Amino acid sequence: MLVTHCSTPCRYFQQGLRTPLFRGNLMGPREAPVTIVEFFDPACETCRAFYPIVKDLMRQYPADVRLVIRYAPFHRGADQVVKLLEAARKQDRFVPVLESLLDTQLSWADHGSPRLELALRAAAQAGLDLRRAQADMATPMMDAVIQQDLQDINALQVSKTPTFFVNGRPLPSFGAKQLADLVSQEVAKVKK
């Protein structure tokens, strides 16, 4: 799956705020009419549980739905894993590294003391060039990505992960069915 970084101003803004929701890692067709924006923490167990649900929605509507992953590094040490994911994106390894990190999350994401070395090992097993990734992780650009997402988190009042928006609309309440229903509604709107 092609992953690109969407940094251009996007057409959806949350409730009149000037914060673009669609800045982040884009998965799926760039021109898809329905966009799921997920504020995601790589150390979040619920984010891990929702990943297959979101992938199923994208499979259900392959031409109509895209996903934008925004970072919400709320857990201790998650900021370093966000940098690792951004380094993976630069090597066109975002999805394999993301999936490897989610598969091994229980080993590296101990909330009391995260183990970055195990996250790095999982990323290497997914084909990431660690030497290059670690150099990229140390660049100011990585801090800028995190700072931008943190500013947007504050502007949008995101307080937990995962938090979803579908075409700029927040879920009415949290849950897999609520996400699927909102996606279905938005797809139906564009099919009319």
Protein backbone atom coordinates (compact mmCIF):
# COMPACT_ATOMS: atom_id res chain seq x y z
CA MET A 1 0.00 0.00 0.00
CA LEU A 2 1.35 3.37 -1.00
CA VAL A 3 1.85 5.78 1.88
CA THR A 4 2.52 9.42 1.22
CA HIS A 5 2.85 12.39 3.50
CA CYS A 6 -0.03 14.80 3.10
CA SER A 7 1.23 18.23 4.07
CA THR A 8 -0.81 20.43 1.77
CA PRO A 9 -3.80 22.33 3.13
CA CYS A 10 -6.78 20.03 2.98
CA ARG A 11 -10.41 20.72 2.42
CA TYR A 12 -11.73 19.65 5.83
CA PHE A 13 -11.35 21.69 8.96
CA GLN A 14 -12.82 20.73 12.29
CA GLN A 15 -15.79 22.87 13.36
CA GLY A 16 -14.49 26.14 11.96
CA LEU A 17 -11.00 25.75 13.37
CA ARG A 18 -8.17 26.45 10.98
CA THR A 19 -6.52 23.12 11.82
CA PRO A 20 -6.31 20.84 8.79
CA LEU A 21 -7.18 17.29 9.70
CA PHE A 22 -5.53 15.69 6.68
CA ARG A 23 -1.90 16.46 7.44
CA GLY A 24 -0.13 13.16 8.10
CA ASN A 25 0.54 9.77 6.57
CA LEU A 26 -1.95 8.98 3.84
CA MET A 27 -2.88 5.37 3.10
CA GLY A 28 -5.20 4.48 0.25
CA PRO A 29 -6.24 6.35 -2.89
CA ARG A 30 -5.18 9.99 -2.76
CA GLU A 31 -8.43 11.11 -4.42
CA ALA A 32 -10.78 8.96 -2.32
CA PRO A 33 -13.86 11.01 -1.40
CA VAL A 34 -14.02 9.69 2.18
CA THR A 35 -11.16 10.27 4.57
CA ILE A 36 -10.73 8.65 7.95
CA VAL A 37 -8.35 10.65 10.12
CA GLU A 38 -7.01 8.70 13.08
CA PHE A 39 -5.10 10.30 15.91
CA PHE A 40 -2.84 7.39 16.75
CA ASP A 41 -0.35 6.48 19.47
CA PRO A 42 1.90 3.56 18.46
CA ALA A 43 2.01 2.41 22.11
CA CYS A 44 -1.79 2.45 22.48
CA GLU A 45 -3.35 -1.00 22.82
CA THR A 46 -6.71 0.24 21.55
CA CYS A 47 -5.02 1.70 18.45
CA ARG A 48 -3.54 -1.74 17.84
CA ALA A 49 -6.99 -3.32 18.24
CA PHE A 50 -8.59 -0.83 15.81
CA TYR A 51 -5.96 -1.14 13.07
CA PRO A 52 -7.53 -4.29 11.51
CA ILE A 53 -10.97 -2.68 11.76
CA VAL A 54 -9.79 0.36 9.81
CA LYS A 55 -8.02 -1.85 7.26
CA ASP A 56 -11.25 -3.83 6.79
CA LEU A 57 -13.15 -0.60 6.11
CA MET A 58 -10.55 0.37 3.51
CA ARG A 59 -10.89 -3.07 1.89
CA GLN A 60 -14.68 -2.77 1.94
CA TYR A 61 -14.51 0.58 0.09
CA PRO A 62 -11.21 0.34 -1.85
CA ALA A 63 -11.80 3.30 -4.17
CA ASP A 64 -13.76 5.44 -1.74
CA VAL A 65 -11.89 5.47 1.59
CA ARG A 66 -8.44 6.63 2.56
CA LEU A 67 -6.78 6.84 5.96
CA VAL A 68 -4.68 9.68 7.34
CA ILE A 69 -2.67 8.78 10.42
CA ARG A 70 -1.93 11.67 12.75
CA TYR A 71 0.30 11.15 15.75
CA ALA A 72 -0.84 11.53 19.34
CA PRO A 73 2.16 10.29 21.35
CA PHE A 74 0.44 10.27 24.74
CA HIS A 75 2.25 7.23 26.17
CA ARG A 76 5.74 7.58 27.59
CA GLY A 77 8.35 6.93 24.90
CA ALA A 78 5.83 6.97 22.05
CA ASP A 79 7.46 10.09 20.60
CA GLN A 80 10.56 8.04 19.74
CA VAL A 81 8.42 5.41 18.02
CA VAL A 82 6.66 8.18 16.08
CA LYS A 83 10.08 9.29 14.85
CA LEU A 84 10.80 5.67 13.90
CA LEU A 85 7.57 5.54 11.88
CA GLU A 86 8.42 8.80 10.14
CA ALA A 87 11.88 7.42 9.31
CA ALA A 88 10.15 4.32 7.91
CA ARG A 89 7.94 6.52 5.74
CA LYS A 90 11.05 8.16 4.29
CA GLN A 91 12.25 4.67 3.28
CA ASP A 92 8.83 3.66 1.87
CA ARG A 93 8.50 1.12 4.70
CA PHE A 94 5.76 2.81 6.73
CA VAL A 95 3.09 0.09 6.53
CA PRO A 96 5.43 -2.90 7.09
CA VAL A 97 7.10 -1.14 10.04
CA LEU A 98 3.76 0.00 11.47
CA GLU A 99 2.39 -3.53 11.27
CA SER A 100 5.54 -5.01 12.78
CA LEU A 101 5.41 -2.51 15.65
CA LEU A 102 1.74 -3.28 16.28
CA ASP A 103 2.43 -7.04 16.15
CA THR A 104 5.20 -6.69 18.75
CA GLN A 105 3.65 -3.87 20.78
CA LEU A 106 3.24 -5.97 23.92
CA SER A 107 7.00 -6.54 24.07
CA TRP A 108 8.26 -2.98 23.56
CA ALA A 109 5.40 -0.74 24.75
CA ASP A 110 5.50 -1.37 28.49
CA HIS A 111 3.87 1.87 29.66
CA GLY A 112 6.09 2.14 32.71
CA SER A 113 9.31 1.83 30.76
CA PRO A 114 9.08 1.45 26.99
CA ARG A 115 11.86 -0.50 25.31
CA LEU A 116 12.89 1.39 22.18
CA GLU A 117 15.53 -1.22 21.33
CA LEU A 118 12.77 -3.81 20.85
CA ALA A 119 10.80 -1.39 18.65
CA LEU A 120 13.94 -0.84 16.57
CA ARG A 121 14.40 -4.60 16.25
CA ALA A 122 10.80 -4.99 15.06
CA ALA A 123 11.34 -2.22 12.51
CA ALA A 124 14.54 -3.87 11.24
CA GLN A 125 12.67 -7.16 10.83
CA ALA A 126 10.21 -5.27 8.61
CA GLY A 127 13.05 -4.22 6.32
CA LEU A 128 13.97 -0.82 7.74
CA ASP A 129 17.57 0.33 7.33
CA LEU A 130 18.24 1.12 10.98
CA ARG A 131 21.40 3.13 10.45
CA ARG A 132 19.60 5.47 8.08
CA ALA A 133 16.48 5.51 10.27
CA GLN A 134 18.38 6.49 13.39
CA ALA A 135 20.07 9.33 11.52
CA ASP A 136 16.67 10.51 10.27
CA MET A 137 15.16 10.22 13.77
CA ALA A 138 17.73 12.71 15.06
CA THR A 139 16.79 15.45 12.57
CA PRO A 140 14.84 18.56 13.62
CA MET A 141 12.19 17.66 11.04
CA MET A 142 11.08 14.75 13.24
CA ASP A 143 10.52 17.04 16.20
CA ALA A 144 8.62 19.42 13.93
CA VAL A 145 6.22 16.64 12.84
CA ILE A 146 5.48 15.79 16.46
CA GLN A 147 5.10 19.44 17.47
CA GLN A 148 2.65 20.10 14.62
CA ASP A 149 0.52 17.11 15.60
CA LEU A 150 0.61 18.14 19.28
CA GLN A 151 -0.58 21.64 18.32
CA ASP A 152 -3.41 20.15 16.28
CA ILE A 153 -4.29 17.76 19.12
CA ASN A 154 -4.72 20.75 21.40
CA ALA A 155 -6.72 22.73 18.83
CA LEU A 156 -9.02 19.77 18.17
CA GLN A 157 -9.21 18.83 21.87
CA VAL A 158 -8.10 15.26 21.21
CA SER A 159 -7.60 13.67 24.62
CA LYS A 160 -7.37 9.94 23.92
CA THR A 161 -6.32 7.48 21.27
CA PRO A 162 -7.54 6.43 18.92
CA THR A 163 -9.66 9.43 18.01
CA PHE A 164 -11.35 9.30 14.62
CA PHE A 165 -12.81 11.88 12.26
CA VAL A 166 -14.55 10.89 9.03
CA ASN A 167 -14.65 13.66 6.44
CA GLY A 168 -14.14 16.08 9.31
CA ARG A 169 -16.92 14.64 11.46
CA PRO A 170 -16.04 13.15 14.85
CA LEU A 171 -17.58 9.85 15.89
CA PRO A 172 -20.86 10.39 17.76
CA SER A 173 -19.51 7.98 20.40
CA PHE A 174 -16.52 5.67 20.45
CA GLY A 175 -16.68 2.19 18.97
CA ALA A 176 -16.04 0.02 15.94
CA LYS A 177 -19.70 0.04 14.90
CA GLN A 178 -19.86 3.82 15.21
CA LEU A 179 -16.79 4.17 12.99
CA ALA A 180 -18.17 1.73 10.40
CA ASP A 181 -21.56 3.46 10.42
CA LEU A 182 -20.06 6.92 9.92
CA VAL A 183 -17.85 5.67 7.06
CA SER A 184 -20.87 3.99 5.47
CA GLN A 185 -22.90 7.23 5.75
CA GLU A 186 -20.13 9.27 4.15
CA VAL A 187 -19.67 6.76 1.32
CA ALA A 188 -23.43 6.76 0.70
CA LYS A 189 -23.38 10.59 0.46
CA VAL A 190 -20.76 10.57 -2.29
CA LYS A 191 -22.49 7.76 -4.20
CA LYS A 192 -25.73 9.79 -4.57
